[in-house]
Structure formats: C-alpha cells, structure tokens
PDB file of all heavy atoms in Angstrom:
ATOM      1  N   GLU A   1     -24.939-152.787 117.995  1.00  0.00           N
ATOM      2  CA  GLU A   1     -24.151-152.917 119.228  1.00  0.00           C
ATOM      3  C   GLU A   1     -22.897-153.756 118.991  1.00  0.00           C
ATOM      4  O   GLU A   1     -21.811-153.443 119.498  1.00  0.00           O
ATOM      5  CB  GLU A   1     -25.016-153.543 120.316  1.00  0.00           C
ATOM      6  CG  GLU A   1     -24.294-153.819 121.625  1.00  0.00           C
ATOM      7  CD  GLU A   1     -23.848-152.570 122.353  1.00  0.00           C
ATOM      8  OE1 GLU A   1     -24.316-151.465 121.979  1.00  0.00           O
ATOM      9  OE2 GLU A   1     -23.030-152.686 123.296  1.00  0.00           O
ATOM     10  N   ALA A   2     -23.044-154.817 118.188  1.00  0.00           N
ATOM     11  CA  ALA A   2     -21.889-155.673 117.902  1.00  0.00           C
ATOM     12  C   ALA A   2     -20.807-154.886 117.146  1.00  0.00           C
ATOM     13  O   ALA A   2     -19.605-155.047 117.403  1.00  0.00           O
ATOM     14  CB  ALA A   2     -22.331-156.887 117.085  1.00  0.00           C
ATOM     15  N   TRP A   3     -21.247-154.033 116.219  1.00  0.00           N
ATOM     16  CA  TRP A   3     -20.292-153.240 115.445  1.00  0.00           C
ATOM     17  C   TRP A   3     -19.538-152.256 116.346  1.00  0.00           C
ATOM     18  O   TRP A   3     -18.324-152.082 116.216  1.00  0.00           O
ATOM     19  CB  TRP A   3     -21.019-152.495 114.330  1.00  0.00           C
ATOM     20  CG  TRP A   3     -20.138-151.592 113.515  1.00  0.00           C
ATOM     21  CD1 TRP A   3     -20.189-150.242 113.424  1.00  0.00           C
ATOM     22  CD2 TRP A   3     -19.057-151.991 112.662  1.00  0.00           C
ATOM     23  NE1 TRP A   3     -19.222-149.764 112.582  1.00  0.00           N
ATOM     24  CE2 TRP A   3     -18.513-150.825 112.098  1.00  0.00           C
ATOM     25  CE3 TRP A   3     -18.505-153.226 112.329  1.00  0.00           C
ATOM     26  CZ2 TRP A   3     -17.446-150.857 111.219  1.00  0.00           C
ATOM     27  CZ3 TRP A   3     -17.427-153.259 111.454  1.00  0.00           C
ATOM     28  CH2 TRP A   3     -16.915-152.081 110.906  1.00  0.00           C
ATOM     29  N   GLN A   4     -20.261-151.620 117.285  1.00  0.00           N
ATOM     30  CA  GLN A   4     -19.610-150.687 118.223  1.00  0.00           C
ATOM     31  C   GLN A   4     -18.591-151.420 119.089  1.00  0.00           C
ATOM     32  O   GLN A   4     -17.490-150.922 119.336  1.00  0.00           O
ATOM     33  CB  GLN A   4     -20.678-150.031 119.104  1.00  0.00           C
ATOM     34  CG  GLN A   4     -21.632-149.105 118.372  1.00  0.00           C
ATOM     35  CD  GLN A   4     -20.928-147.924 117.743  1.00  0.00           C
ATOM     36  OE1 GLN A   4     -19.989-147.362 118.302  1.00  0.00           O
ATOM     37  NE2 GLN A   4     -21.374-147.541 116.551  1.00  0.00           N
ATOM     38  N   ALA A   5     -18.964-152.612 119.577  1.00  0.00           N
ATOM     39  CA  ALA A   5     -18.038-153.381 120.411  1.00  0.00           C
ATOM     40  C   ALA A   5     -16.851-153.903 119.607  1.00  0.00           C
ATOM     41  O   ALA A   5     -15.745-154.073 120.146  1.00  0.00           O
ATOM     42  CB  ALA A   5     -18.786-154.548 121.067  1.00  0.00           C
ATOM     43  N   TRP A   6     -17.056-154.149 118.318  1.00  0.00           N
ATOM     44  CA  TRP A   6     -15.964-154.602 117.450  1.00  0.00           C
ATOM     45  C   TRP A   6     -14.937-153.476 117.262  1.00  0.00           C
ATOM     46  O   TRP A   6     -13.727-153.708 117.308  1.00  0.00           O
ATOM     47  CB  TRP A   6     -16.536-155.032 116.109  1.00  0.00           C
ATOM     48  CG  TRP A   6     -15.494-155.384 115.080  1.00  0.00           C
ATOM     49  CD1 TRP A   6     -14.881-154.549 114.200  1.00  0.00           C
ATOM     50  CD2 TRP A   6     -14.933-156.680 114.837  1.00  0.00           C
ATOM     51  NE1 TRP A   6     -13.984-155.234 113.421  1.00  0.00           N
ATOM     52  CE2 TRP A   6     -13.988-156.542 113.794  1.00  0.00           C
ATOM     53  CE3 TRP A   6     -15.134-157.939 115.403  1.00  0.00           C
ATOM     54  CZ2 TRP A   6     -13.268-157.624 113.303  1.00  0.00           C
ATOM     55  CZ3 TRP A   6     -14.408-159.011 114.909  1.00  0.00           C
ATOM     56  CH2 TRP A   6     -13.488-158.855 113.871  1.00  0.00           C
ATOM     57  N   GLN A   7     -15.429-152.264 117.056  1.00  0.00           N
ATOM     58  CA  GLN A   7     -14.537-151.124 116.856  1.00  0.00           C
ATOM     59  C   GLN A   7     -13.835-150.717 118.144  1.00  0.00           C
ATOM     60  O   GLN A   7     -12.683-150.265 118.118  1.00  0.00           O
ATOM     61  CB  GLN A   7     -15.335-149.930 116.307  1.00  0.00           C
ATOM     62  CG  GLN A   7     -15.824-150.124 114.876  1.00  0.00           C
ATOM     63  CD  GLN A   7     -16.532-148.885 114.357  1.00  0.00           C
ATOM     64  OE1 GLN A   7     -17.409-148.340 115.020  1.00  0.00           O
ATOM     65  NE2 GLN A   7     -16.132-148.420 113.179  1.00  0.00           N
ATOM     66  N   HIS A   8     -14.526-150.863 119.278  1.00  0.00           N
ATOM     67  CA  HIS A   8     -13.953-150.443 120.560  1.00  0.00           C
ATOM     68  C   HIS A   8     -14.148-151.562 121.584  1.00  0.00           C
ATOM     69  O   HIS A   8     -15.059-151.505 122.426  1.00  0.00           O
ATOM     70  CB  HIS A   8     -14.630-149.160 121.056  1.00  0.00           C
ATOM     71  CG  HIS A   8     -14.630-148.051 120.050  1.00  0.00           C
ATOM     72  ND1 HIS A   8     -13.500-147.336 119.709  1.00  0.00           N
ATOM     73  CD2 HIS A   8     -15.646-147.556 119.280  1.00  0.00           C
ATOM     74  CE1 HIS A   8     -13.803-146.433 118.789  1.00  0.00           C
ATOM     75  NE2 HIS A   8     -15.099-146.553 118.514  1.00  0.00           N
ATOM     76  N   PRO A   9     -13.300-152.603 121.526  1.00  0.00           N
ATOM     77  CA  PRO A   9     -13.428-153.725 122.475  1.00  0.00           C
ATOM     78  C   PRO A   9     -13.327-153.233 123.914  1.00  0.00           C
ATOM     79  O   PRO A   9     -12.533-152.341 124.226  1.00  0.00           O
ATOM     80  CB  PRO A   9     -12.246-154.631 122.110  1.00  0.00           C
ATOM     81  CG  PRO A   9     -11.896-154.257 120.703  1.00  0.00           C
ATOM     82  CD  PRO A   9     -12.176-152.795 120.586  1.00  0.00           C
ATOM     83  N   ARG A  10     -14.171-153.794 124.788  1.00  0.00           N
ATOM     84  CA  ARG A  10     -14.172-153.362 126.182  1.00  0.00           C
ATOM     85  C   ARG A  10     -14.116-154.588 127.091  1.00  0.00           C
ATOM     86  O   ARG A  10     -14.637-155.656 126.758  1.00  0.00           O
ATOM     87  CB  ARG A  10     -15.409-152.518 126.476  1.00  0.00           C
ATOM     88  CG  ARG A  10     -16.704-153.099 125.971  1.00  0.00           C
ATOM     89  CD  ARG A  10     -17.855-152.115 126.239  1.00  0.00           C
ATOM     90  NE  ARG A  10     -19.114-152.624 125.736  1.00  0.00           N
ATOM     91  CZ  ARG A  10     -19.671-152.262 124.605  1.00  0.00           C
ATOM     92  NH1 ARG A  10     -19.056-151.380 123.823  1.00  0.00           N
ATOM     93  NH2 ARG A  10     -20.843-152.762 124.234  1.00  0.00           N
ATOM     94  N   PRO A  11     -13.479-154.436 128.245  1.00  0.00           N
ATOM     95  CA  PRO A  11     -13.378-155.580 129.169  1.00  0.00           C
ATOM     96  C   PRO A  11     -14.752-155.978 129.708  1.00  0.00           C
ATOM     97  O   PRO A  11     -15.673-155.165 129.793  1.00  0.00           O
ATOM     98  CB  PRO A  11     -12.477-155.043 130.284  1.00  0.00           C
ATOM     99  CG  PRO A  11     -12.638-153.559 130.224  1.00  0.00           C
ATOM    100  CD  PRO A  11     -12.833-153.228 128.778  1.00  0.00           C
ATOM    101  N   ILE A  12     -14.878-157.239 130.074  1.00  0.00           N
ATOM    102  CA  ILE A  12     -16.130-157.778 130.604  1.00  0.00           C
ATOM    103  C   ILE A  12     -16.001-157.862 132.122  1.00  0.00           C
ATOM    104  O   ILE A  12     -15.163-158.581 132.650  1.00  0.00           O
ATOM    105  CB  ILE A  12     -16.422-159.171 130.015  1.00  0.00           C
ATOM    106  CG1 ILE A  12     -16.553-159.074 128.493  1.00  0.00           C
ATOM    107  CG2 ILE A  12     -17.682-159.762 130.626  1.00  0.00           C
ATOM    108  CD1 ILE A  12     -16.684-160.419 127.811  1.00  0.00           C
ATOM    109  N   GLY A  13     -16.876-157.104 132.820  1.00  0.00           N
ATOM    110  CA  GLY A  13     -16.830-157.108 134.282  1.00  0.00           C
ATOM    111  C   GLY A  13     -17.779-158.146 134.867  1.00  0.00           C
ATOM    112  O   GLY A  13     -18.840-158.422 134.323  1.00  0.00           O
ATOM    113  N   MET A  14     -17.385-158.735 135.989  1.00  0.00           N
ATOM    114  CA  MET A  14     -18.199-159.714 136.725  1.00  0.00           C
ATOM    115  C   MET A  14     -18.827-160.750 135.771  1.00  0.00           C
ATOM    116  O   MET A  14     -20.053-160.937 135.746  1.00  0.00           O
ATOM    117  CB  MET A  14     -19.292-159.006 137.521  1.00  0.00           C
ATOM    118  CG  MET A  14     -18.746-157.967 138.509  1.00  0.00           C
ATOM    119  SD  MET A  14     -20.063-157.135 139.440  1.00  0.00           S
ATOM    120  CE  MET A  14     -20.567-158.470 140.510  1.00  0.00           C
ATOM    121  N   PRO A  15     -18.016-161.421 134.973  1.00  0.00           N
ATOM    122  CA  PRO A  15     -18.573-162.307 133.936  1.00  0.00           C
ATOM    123  C   PRO A  15     -19.373-163.476 134.483  1.00  0.00           C
ATOM    124  O   PRO A  15     -20.427-163.818 133.926  1.00  0.00           O
ATOM    125  CB  PRO A  15     -17.323-162.789 133.195  1.00  0.00           C
ATOM    126  CG  PRO A  15     -16.208-162.658 134.191  1.00  0.00           C
ATOM    127  CD  PRO A  15     -16.545-161.451 135.003  1.00  0.00           C
ATOM    128  N   PHE A  16     -18.904-164.091 135.545  1.00  0.00           N
ATOM    129  CA  PHE A  16     -19.578-165.306 136.010  1.00  0.00           C
ATOM    130  C   PHE A  16     -20.900-164.990 136.717  1.00  0.00           C
ATOM    131  O   PHE A  16     -21.852-165.765 136.638  1.00  0.00           O
ATOM    132  CB  PHE A  16     -18.640-166.122 136.896  1.00  0.00           C
ATOM    133  CG  PHE A  16     -17.446-166.631 136.139  1.00  0.00           C
ATOM    134  CD1 PHE A  16     -16.190-166.067 136.332  1.00  0.00           C
ATOM    135  CD2 PHE A  16     -17.588-167.641 135.189  1.00  0.00           C
ATOM    136  CE1 PHE A  16     -15.092-166.514 135.604  1.00  0.00           C
ATOM    137  CE2 PHE A  16     -16.492-168.099 134.469  1.00  0.00           C
ATOM    138  CZ  PHE A  16     -15.246-167.526 134.673  1.00  0.00           C
ATOM    139  N   GLU A  17     -20.951-163.826 137.400  1.00  0.00           N
ATOM    140  CA  GLU A  17     -22.233-163.409 137.976  1.00  0.00           C
ATOM    141  C   GLU A  17     -23.253-163.145 136.863  1.00  0.00           C
ATOM    142  O   GLU A  17     -24.420-163.539 136.943  1.00  0.00           O
ATOM    143  CB  GLU A  17     -22.062-162.149 138.825  1.00  0.00           C
ATOM    144  CG  GLU A  17     -21.291-162.374 140.106  1.00  0.00           C
ATOM    145  CD  GLU A  17     -19.781-162.282 139.897  1.00  0.00           C
ATOM    146  OE1 GLU A  17     -19.338-162.296 138.740  1.00  0.00           O
ATOM    147  OE2 GLU A  17     -19.051-162.217 140.910  1.00  0.00           O
ATOM    148  N   GLY A  18     -22.773-162.477 135.800  1.00  0.00           N
ATOM    149  CA  GLY A  18     -23.652-162.199 134.672  1.00  0.00           C
ATOM    150  C   GLY A  18     -24.114-163.463 133.971  1.00  0.00           C
ATOM    151  O   GLY A  18     -25.291-163.606 133.610  1.00  0.00           O
ATOM    152  N   ILE A  19     -23.192-164.404 133.782  1.00  0.00           N
ATOM    153  CA  ILE A  19     -23.547-165.673 133.140  1.00  0.00           C
ATOM    154  C   ILE A  19     -24.545-166.452 134.000  1.00  0.00           C
ATOM    155  O   ILE A  19     -25.475-167.078 133.495  1.00  0.00           O
ATOM    156  CB  ILE A  19     -22.269-166.512 132.879  1.00  0.00           C
ATOM    157  CG1 ILE A  19     -21.423-165.848 131.783  1.00  0.00           C
ATOM    158  CG2 ILE A  19     -22.646-167.932 132.456  1.00  0.00           C
ATOM    159  CD1 ILE A  19     -20.072-166.480 131.597  1.00  0.00           C
ATOM    160  N   GLY A  20     -24.367-166.377 135.339  1.00  0.00           N
ATOM    161  CA  GLY A  20     -25.293-167.072 136.229  1.00  0.00           C
ATOM    162  C   GLY A  20     -26.706-166.535 136.115  1.00  0.00           C
ATOM    163  O   GLY A  20     -27.682-167.301 136.038  1.00  0.00           O
ATOM    164  N   LEU A  21     -26.854-165.198 136.104  1.00  0.00           N
ATOM    165  CA  LEU A  21     -28.174-164.592 135.948  1.00  0.00           C
ATOM    166  C   LEU A  21     -28.775-164.956 134.591  1.00  0.00           C
ATOM    167  O   LEU A  21     -29.973-165.258 134.478  1.00  0.00           O
ATOM    168  CB  LEU A  21     -28.074-163.069 136.083  1.00  0.00           C
ATOM    169  CG  LEU A  21     -27.834-162.519 137.484  1.00  0.00           C
ATOM    170  CD1 LEU A  21     -27.603-161.010 137.427  1.00  0.00           C
ATOM    171  CD2 LEU A  21     -29.025-162.827 138.382  1.00  0.00           C
ATOM    172  N   ASN A  22     -27.933-164.939 133.570  1.00  0.00           N
ATOM    173  CA  ASN A  22     -28.408-165.264 132.229  1.00  0.00           C
ATOM    174  C   ASN A  22     -28.846-166.728 132.146  1.00  0.00           C
ATOM    175  O   ASN A  22     -29.833-167.064 131.475  1.00  0.00           O
ATOM    176  CB  ASN A  22     -27.308-164.997 131.204  1.00  0.00           C
ATOM    177  CG  ASN A  22     -27.853-164.575 129.866  1.00  0.00           C
ATOM    178  OD1 ASN A  22     -28.569-163.593 129.784  1.00  0.00           O
ATOM    179  ND2 ASN A  22     -27.518-165.307 128.822  1.00  0.00           N
ATOM    180  N   ALA A  23     -28.120-167.606 132.842  1.00  0.00           N
ATOM    181  CA  ALA A  23     -28.473-169.030 132.838  1.00  0.00           C
ATOM    182  C   ALA A  23     -29.831-169.262 133.500  1.00  0.00           C
ATOM    183  O   ALA A  23     -30.641-170.062 133.027  1.00  0.00           O
ATOM    184  CB  ALA A  23     -27.392-169.840 133.540  1.00  0.00           C
ATOM    185  N   LEU A  24     -30.093-168.545 134.597  1.00  0.00           N
ATOM    186  CA  LEU A  24     -31.387-168.667 135.278  1.00  0.00           C
ATOM    187  C   LEU A  24     -32.517-168.212 134.353  1.00  0.00           C
ATOM    188  O   LEU A  24     -33.561-168.870 134.256  1.00  0.00           O
ATOM    189  CB  LEU A  24     -31.380-167.832 136.557  1.00  0.00           C
ATOM    190  CG  LEU A  24     -32.689-167.802 137.362  1.00  0.00           C
ATOM    191  CD1 LEU A  24     -33.111-169.214 137.767  1.00  0.00           C
ATOM    192  CD2 LEU A  24     -32.526-166.898 138.584  1.00  0.00           C
ATOM    193  N   ALA A  25     -32.288-167.095 133.663  1.00  0.00           N
ATOM    194  CA  ALA A  25     -33.287-166.597 132.713  1.00  0.00           C
ATOM    195  C   ALA A  25     -33.515-167.602 131.596  1.00  0.00           C
ATOM    196  O   ALA A  25     -34.651-167.807 131.133  1.00  0.00           O
ATOM    197  CB  ALA A  25     -32.836-165.256 132.141  1.00  0.00           C
ATOM    198  N   THR A  26     -32.450-168.243 131.147  1.00  0.00           N
ATOM    199  CA  THR A  26     -32.555-169.223 130.066  1.00  0.00           C
ATOM    200  C   THR A  26     -33.375-170.433 130.496  1.00  0.00           C
ATOM    201  O   THR A  26     -34.183-170.960 129.715  1.00  0.00           O
ATOM    202  CB  THR A  26     -31.151-169.666 129.618  1.00  0.00           C
ATOM    203  OG1 THR A  26     -30.416-168.534 129.161  1.00  0.00           O
ATOM    204  CG2 THR A  26     -31.236-170.689 128.489  1.00  0.00           C
ATOM    205  N   LEU A  27     -33.195-170.891 131.718  1.00  0.00           N
ATOM    206  CA  LEU A  27     -33.980-172.015 132.232  1.00  0.00           C
ATOM    207  C   LEU A  27     -35.472-171.672 132.281  1.00  0.00           C
ATOM    208  O   LEU A  27     -36.330-172.508 131.950  1.00  0.00           O
ATOM    209  CB  LEU A  27     -33.481-172.406 133.623  1.00  0.00           C
ATOM    210  CG  LEU A  27     -32.113-173.099 133.684  1.00  0.00           C
ATOM    211  CD1 LEU A  27     -31.688-173.294 135.131  1.00  0.00           C
ATOM    212  CD2 LEU A  27     -32.154-174.446 132.947  1.00  0.00           C
ATOM    213  N   ILE A  28     -35.777-170.451 132.690  1.00  0.00           N
ATOM    214  CA  ILE A  28     -37.181-170.019 132.718  1.00  0.00           C
ATOM    215  C   ILE A  28     -37.754-170.014 131.302  1.00  0.00           C
ATOM    216  O   ILE A  28     -38.875-170.493 131.059  1.00  0.00           O
ATOM    217  CB  ILE A  28     -37.304-168.618 133.352  1.00  0.00           C
ATOM    218  CG1 ILE A  28     -36.911-168.682 134.827  1.00  0.00           C
ATOM    219  CG2 ILE A  28     -38.725-168.072 133.198  1.00  0.00           C
ATOM    220  CD1 ILE A  28     -36.805-167.314 135.491  1.00  0.00           C
ATOM    221  N   ASN A  29     -36.984-169.479 130.354  1.00  0.00           N
ATOM    222  CA  ASN A  29     -37.440-169.453 128.963  1.00  0.00           C
ATOM    223  C   ASN A  29     -37.646-170.858 128.403  1.00  0.00           C
ATOM    224  O   ASN A  29     -38.607-171.113 127.673  1.00  0.00           O
ATOM    225  CB  ASN A  29     -36.430-168.711 128.089  1.00  0.00           C
ATOM    226  CG  ASN A  29     -36.746-167.228 127.983  1.00  0.00           C
ATOM    227  OD1 ASN A  29     -37.847-166.791 128.324  1.00  0.00           O
ATOM    228  ND2 ASN A  29     -35.796-166.452 127.507  1.00  0.00           N
ATOM    229  N   ALA A  30     -36.732-171.774 128.731  1.00  0.00           N
ATOM    230  CA  ALA A  30     -36.830-173.143 128.217  1.00  0.00           C
ATOM    231  C   ALA A  30     -38.110-173.811 128.712  1.00  0.00           C
ATOM    232  O   ALA A  30     -38.848-174.445 127.939  1.00  0.00           O
ATOM    233  CB  ALA A  30     -35.604-173.955 128.637  1.00  0.00           C
ATOM    234  N   GLY A  31     -38.378-173.666 130.016  1.00  0.00           N
ATOM    235  CA  GLY A  31     -39.583-174.283 130.561  1.00  0.00           C
ATOM    236  C   GLY A  31     -40.850-173.677 129.997  1.00  0.00           C
ATOM    237  O   GLY A  31     -41.788-174.400 129.618  1.00  0.00           O
ATOM    238  N   TRP A  32     -40.875-172.349 129.884  1.00  0.00           N
ATOM    239  CA  TRP A  32     -42.104-171.695 129.398  1.00  0.00           C
ATOM    240  C   TRP A  32     -42.310-171.918 127.900  1.00  0.00           C
ATOM    241  O   TRP A  32     -43.450-172.012 127.435  1.00  0.00           O
ATOM    242  CB  TRP A  32     -42.078-170.209 129.732  1.00  0.00           C
ATOM    243  CG  TRP A  32     -43.408-169.564 129.487  1.00  0.00           C
ATOM    244  CD1 TRP A  32     -43.723-168.637 128.548  1.00  0.00           C
ATOM    245  CD2 TRP A  32     -44.629-169.827 130.189  1.00  0.00           C
ATOM    246  NE1 TRP A  32     -45.056-168.310 128.617  1.00  0.00           N
ATOM    247  CE2 TRP A  32     -45.634-169.029 129.621  1.00  0.00           C
ATOM    248  CE3 TRP A  32     -44.967-170.685 131.252  1.00  0.00           C
ATOM    249  CZ2 TRP A  32     -46.960-169.045 130.068  1.00  0.00           C
ATOM    250  CZ3 TRP A  32     -46.289-170.701 131.704  1.00  0.00           C
ATOM    251  CH2 TRP A  32     -47.252-169.887 131.112  1.00  0.00           C
ATOM    252  N   SER A  33     -41.228-172.018 127.131  1.00  0.00           N
ATOM    253  CA  SER A  33     -41.381-172.284 125.694  1.00  0.00           C
ATOM    254  C   SER A  33     -42.013-173.645 125.472  1.00  0.00           C
ATOM    255  O   SER A  33     -42.872-173.816 124.586  1.00  0.00           O
ATOM    256  CB  SER A  33     -40.029-172.211 124.967  1.00  0.00           C
ATOM    257  OG  SER A  33     -39.176-173.287 125.349  1.00  0.00           O
ATOM    258  N   ALA A  34     -41.639-174.649 126.293  1.00  0.00           N
ATOM    259  CA  ALA A  34     -42.245-175.984 126.179  1.00  0.00           C
ATOM    260  C   ALA A  34     -43.736-175.916 126.499  1.00  0.00           C
ATOM    261  O   ALA A  34     -44.564-176.547 125.817  1.00  0.00           O
ATOM    262  CB  ALA A  34     -41.545-176.959 127.119  1.00  0.00           C
ATOM    263  N   VAL A  35     -44.099-175.122 127.515  1.00  0.00           N
ATOM    264  CA  VAL A  35     -45.515-174.960 127.870  1.00  0.00           C
ATOM    265  C   VAL A  35     -46.279-174.306 126.720  1.00  0.00           C
ATOM    266  O   VAL A  35     -47.381-174.747 126.345  1.00  0.00           O
ATOM    267  CB  VAL A  35     -45.644-174.113 129.148  1.00  0.00           C
ATOM    268  CG1 VAL A  35     -47.103-173.731 129.403  1.00  0.00           C
ATOM    269  CG2 VAL A  35     -45.091-174.869 130.351  1.00  0.00           C
ATOM    270  N   LEU A  36     -45.721-173.252 126.137  1.00  0.00           N
ATOM    271  CA  LEU A  36     -46.407-172.530 125.065  1.00  0.00           C
ATOM    272  C   LEU A  36     -46.570-173.379 123.806  1.00  0.00           C
ATOM    273  O   LEU A  36     -47.622-173.367 123.165  1.00  0.00           O
ATOM    274  CB  LEU A  36     -45.637-171.255 124.721  1.00  0.00           C
ATOM    275  CG  LEU A  36     -45.714-170.111 125.722  1.00  0.00           C
ATOM    276  CD1 LEU A  36     -44.886-168.932 125.235  1.00  0.00           C
ATOM    277  CD2 LEU A  36     -47.151-169.665 125.946  1.00  0.00           C
ATOM    278  N   LEU A  37     -45.528-174.124 123.437  1.00  0.00           N
ATOM    279  CA  LEU A  37     -45.615-174.959 122.240  1.00  0.00           C
ATOM    280  C   LEU A  37     -46.669-176.044 122.409  1.00  0.00           C
ATOM    281  O   LEU A  37     -47.446-176.328 121.485  1.00  0.00           O
ATOM    282  CB  LEU A  37     -44.249-175.577 121.934  1.00  0.00           C
ATOM    283  CG  LEU A  37     -43.189-174.603 121.407  1.00  0.00           C
ATOM    284  CD1 LEU A  37     -41.825-175.276 121.338  1.00  0.00           C
ATOM    285  CD2 LEU A  37     -43.583-174.072 120.032  1.00  0.00           C
ATOM    286  N   SER A  38     -46.718-176.637 123.589  1.00  0.00           N
ATOM    287  CA  SER A  38     -47.724-177.659 123.855  1.00  0.00           C
ATOM    288  C   SER A  38     -49.134-177.061 123.823  1.00  0.00           C
ATOM    289  O   SER A  38     -50.055-177.610 123.201  1.00  0.00           O
ATOM    290  CB  SER A  38     -47.454-178.305 125.215  1.00  0.00           C
ATOM    291  OG  SER A  38     -48.464-179.235 125.544  1.00  0.00           O
ATOM    292  N   ALA A  39     -49.309-175.907 124.473  1.00  0.00           N
ATOM    293  CA  ALA A  39     -50.621-175.254 124.504  1.00  0.00           C
ATOM    294  C   ALA A  39     -51.022-174.779 123.111  1.00  0.00           C
ATOM    295  O   ALA A  39     -52.191-174.875 122.724  1.00  0.00           O
ATOM    296  CB  ALA A  39     -50.590-174.083 125.476  1.00  0.00           C
ATOM    297  N   GLY A  40     -50.058-174.269 122.346  1.00  0.00           N
ATOM    298  CA  GLY A  40     -50.360-173.787 120.999  1.00  0.00           C
ATOM    299  C   GLY A  40     -50.862-174.893 120.094  1.00  0.00           C
ATOM    300  O   GLY A  40     -51.818-174.709 119.329  1.00  0.00           O
ATOM    301  N   ARG A  41     -50.226-176.080 120.182  1.00  0.00           N
ATOM    302  CA  ARG A  41     -50.681-177.212 119.358  1.00  0.00           C
ATOM    303  C   ARG A  41     -52.050-177.698 119.826  1.00  0.00           C
ATOM    304  O   ARG A  41     -52.922-178.011 119.004  1.00  0.00           O
ATOM    305  CB  ARG A  41     -49.652-178.338 119.430  1.00  0.00           C
ATOM    306  CG  ARG A  41     -48.385-178.075 118.626  1.00  0.00           C
ATOM    307  CD  ARG A  41     -47.527-179.310 118.528  1.00  0.00           C
ATOM    308  NE  ARG A  41     -46.947-179.663 119.827  1.00  0.00           N
ATOM    309  CZ  ARG A  41     -45.758-179.250 120.240  1.00  0.00           C
ATOM    310  NH1 ARG A  41     -45.030-178.457 119.482  1.00  0.00           N
ATOM    311  NH2 ARG A  41     -45.287-179.628 121.430  1.00  0.00           N
ATOM    312  N   ARG A  42     -52.243-177.757 121.145  1.00  0.00           N
ATOM    313  CA  ARG A  42     -53.512-178.257 121.676  1.00  0.00           C
ATOM    314  C   ARG A  42     -54.672-177.312 121.372  1.00  0.00           C
ATOM    315  O   ARG A  42     -55.771-177.759 121.031  1.00  0.00           O
ATOM    316  CB  ARG A  42     -53.381-178.461 123.185  1.00  0.00           C
ATOM    317  CG  ARG A  42     -54.643-178.952 123.868  1.00  0.00           C
ATOM    318  CD  ARG A  42     -54.332-179.445 125.279  1.00  0.00           C
ATOM    319  NE  ARG A  42     -53.563-178.472 126.040  1.00  0.00           N
ATOM    320  CZ  ARG A  42     -54.108-177.447 126.714  1.00  0.00           C
ATOM    321  NH1 ARG A  42     -55.412-177.271 126.698  1.00  0.00           N
ATOM    322  NH2 ARG A  42     -53.344-176.617 127.406  1.00  0.00           N
ATOM    323  N   LEU A  43     -54.416-175.993 121.473  1.00  0.00           N
ATOM    324  CA  LEU A  43     -55.471-175.004 121.251  1.00  0.00           C
ATOM    325  C   LEU A  43     -55.502-174.508 119.812  1.00  0.00           C
ATOM    326  O   LEU A  43     -56.342-173.676 119.478  1.00  0.00           O
ATOM    327  CB  LEU A  43     -55.260-173.813 122.198  1.00  0.00           C
ATOM    328  CG  LEU A  43     -55.301-174.122 123.693  1.00  0.00           C
ATOM    329  CD1 LEU A  43     -54.935-172.885 124.497  1.00  0.00           C
ATOM    330  CD2 LEU A  43     -56.674-174.635 124.103  1.00  0.00           C
TER     331      LEU A  43
END
C-alpha cells in the first residue's frame, strides 16, 4: 500500500476526524495491552 501511495500520491480527506478516531482506538489498545501484559506475567 505504501508503494502504491508513493507512486500515486493522493490528498488526505477529513484528516482531523480520522486522527481523532485513530487516537480513541490507540487509547483502547494502550489500556488493554497493559492489562494483557500484567495478566500474562501473572498467569
């Protein structure tokens, strides 16, 4: 995908809405990764 975008650059639509959704997903991942690492060591 990166190679295709490199050959044919395309504009980014609604960037801040997309970044906001991605940030929310990242927060969920951060919290759950801490839970999994703790549980993995304990179990």
